Structure formats: C-alpha cells, structure tokens
Protein backbone atom coordinates (compact mmCIF):
# COMPACT_ATOMS: atom_id res chain seq x y z
CA UNK A 1 -10.82 73.27 -5.62
CA UNK A 2 -11.03 71.73 -1.95
CA UNK A 3 -8.31 70.95 0.93
CA UNK A 4 -8.18 68.83 4.34
CA UNK A 5 -5.28 69.73 6.86
CA UNK A 6 -4.32 67.20 9.21
CA UNK A 7 -1.49 65.99 11.84
CA UNK A 8 -0.36 62.81 12.71
CA UNK A 9 1.08 61.65 16.07
CA UNK A 10 1.96 58.19 17.34
CA UNK A 11 -1.35 57.59 18.76
CA UNK A 12 -3.91 59.78 16.52
CA UNK A 13 -4.60 61.84 13.61
CA UNK A 14 -5.97 65.36 14.10
CA UNK A 15 -8.10 66.92 11.11
CA UNK A 16 -8.64 70.79 11.84
CA UNK A 17 -9.16 72.10 8.40
CA UNK A 18 -11.35 71.32 5.63
CA UNK A 19 -11.82 73.98 3.00
CA UNK A 20 -14.12 73.49 -0.18
CA UNK A 21 -13.64 76.79 -2.48
CA UNK A 22 -17.13 78.65 -2.49
CA UNK A 23 -17.99 77.89 -6.07
CA UNK A 24 -17.49 74.21 -5.24
CA UNK A 25 -19.67 73.71 -2.05
CA UNK A 26 -22.90 71.96 -1.83
CA UNK A 27 -21.59 69.00 -4.20
CA UNK A 28 -20.35 66.70 -1.67
CA UNK A 29 -16.65 67.59 -2.21
CA UNK A 30 -15.98 67.92 1.56
CA UNK A 31 -17.52 64.78 2.71
CA UNK A 32 -15.94 62.72 -0.02
CA UNK A 33 -12.31 64.10 0.94
CA UNK A 34 -13.07 63.58 4.39
CA UNK A 35 -14.50 59.93 3.77
CA UNK A 36 -11.63 59.05 1.74
CA UNK A 37 -9.10 60.58 4.50
CA UNK A 38 -10.51 58.48 6.72
CA UNK A 39 -10.53 55.45 5.00
CA UNK A 40 -6.74 55.59 4.08
CA UNK A 41 -6.12 56.45 7.77
CA UNK A 42 -7.92 53.09 8.96
CA UNK A 43 -6.29 51.37 6.39
CA UNK A 44 -2.49 52.71 7.61
CA UNK A 45 -3.83 51.15 11.27
CA UNK A 46 -4.36 54.56 12.61
CA UNK A 47 -6.65 53.86 15.99
CA UNK A 48 -7.86 57.22 16.75
CA UNK A 49 -9.03 60.35 14.64
CA UNK A 50 -9.68 63.85 16.01
CA UNK A 51 -11.65 66.36 14.57
CA UNK A 52 -11.67 69.83 15.70
CA UNK A 53 -14.95 71.80 14.53
CA UNK A 54 -15.85 75.48 15.53
CA UNK A 55 -18.94 75.31 17.73
CA UNK A 56 -20.85 77.71 15.33
CA UNK A 57 -19.81 75.66 11.96
CA UNK A 58 -23.30 73.28 12.21
CA UNK A 59 -22.39 72.27 8.19
CA UNK A 60 -19.33 70.73 9.37
CA UNK A 61 -20.57 69.41 13.02
CA UNK A 62 -23.64 67.58 10.83
CA UNK A 63 -21.20 66.25 8.23
CA UNK A 64 -18.53 64.66 11.16
CA UNK A 65 -21.59 63.28 12.84
CA UNK A 66 -22.83 61.70 9.37
CA UNK A 67 -19.27 60.37 8.65
CA UNK A 68 -19.20 58.37 11.90
CA UNK A 69 -17.31 61.04 14.22
CA UNK A 70 -19.00 61.55 17.73
CA UNK A 71 -18.50 64.15 20.12
CA UNK A 72 -16.37 63.47 23.21
CA UNK A 73 -15.56 66.99 24.40
CA UNK A 74 -17.28 70.09 24.26
CA UNK A 75 -15.81 73.41 24.90
CA UNK A 76 -16.85 77.01 24.42
CA UNK A 77 -15.41 77.57 21.00
CA UNK A 78 -14.94 74.02 19.52
CA UNK A 79 -16.12 70.45 19.35
CA UNK A 80 -13.98 67.59 19.41
CA UNK A 81 -15.16 64.41 17.74
CA UNK A 82 -13.66 60.99 17.10
CA UNK A 83 -13.82 57.94 15.04
CA UNK A 84 -12.64 54.56 15.29
CA UNK A 85 -11.37 54.28 18.88
C-alpha cells in the first residue's frame, strides 16, 4: 500500500523515497506516513530530518511544506528540505 525509505546518520535522517500505490493515492496515506515517521524521529531525539524531493514532484513538495519542512537548498533536479533543526 505505502512505504517510506530513509537512512539515519549520527546527526540527521534523510527521507528519500515515499511511495503510495496508485489505487491508494489521494487518501492522505502518504502524509500520514510521513507525519508518523517525523513524530517518531523527533521522539527519538533526532535533531535534523532532510527530505530530498525531485523538483518536478509538485505534490510531494507541497506535502513536505504542509508538514513543516522548509527548503534550504535548491538544485536543478532536487529540493532539499529540513525540519526541527
């Protein structure tokens, strides 16, 4: 149905893939998944979470901003967003 891929380093966690199967899109599942992940990471004491989103993925960029991630670096193909610094 949905999955989120991330890596944790000593200083930060990088979320680089959120996927919701086509039949389940538009039901807020991706947002719920990311929100739950962010809450668990914050509870675990992680101080920085980075989301890497393809620049053309408008839905994911809007979702990330709605969840409180803010853009800190912009490259041609990707946007790098961060939360709770």
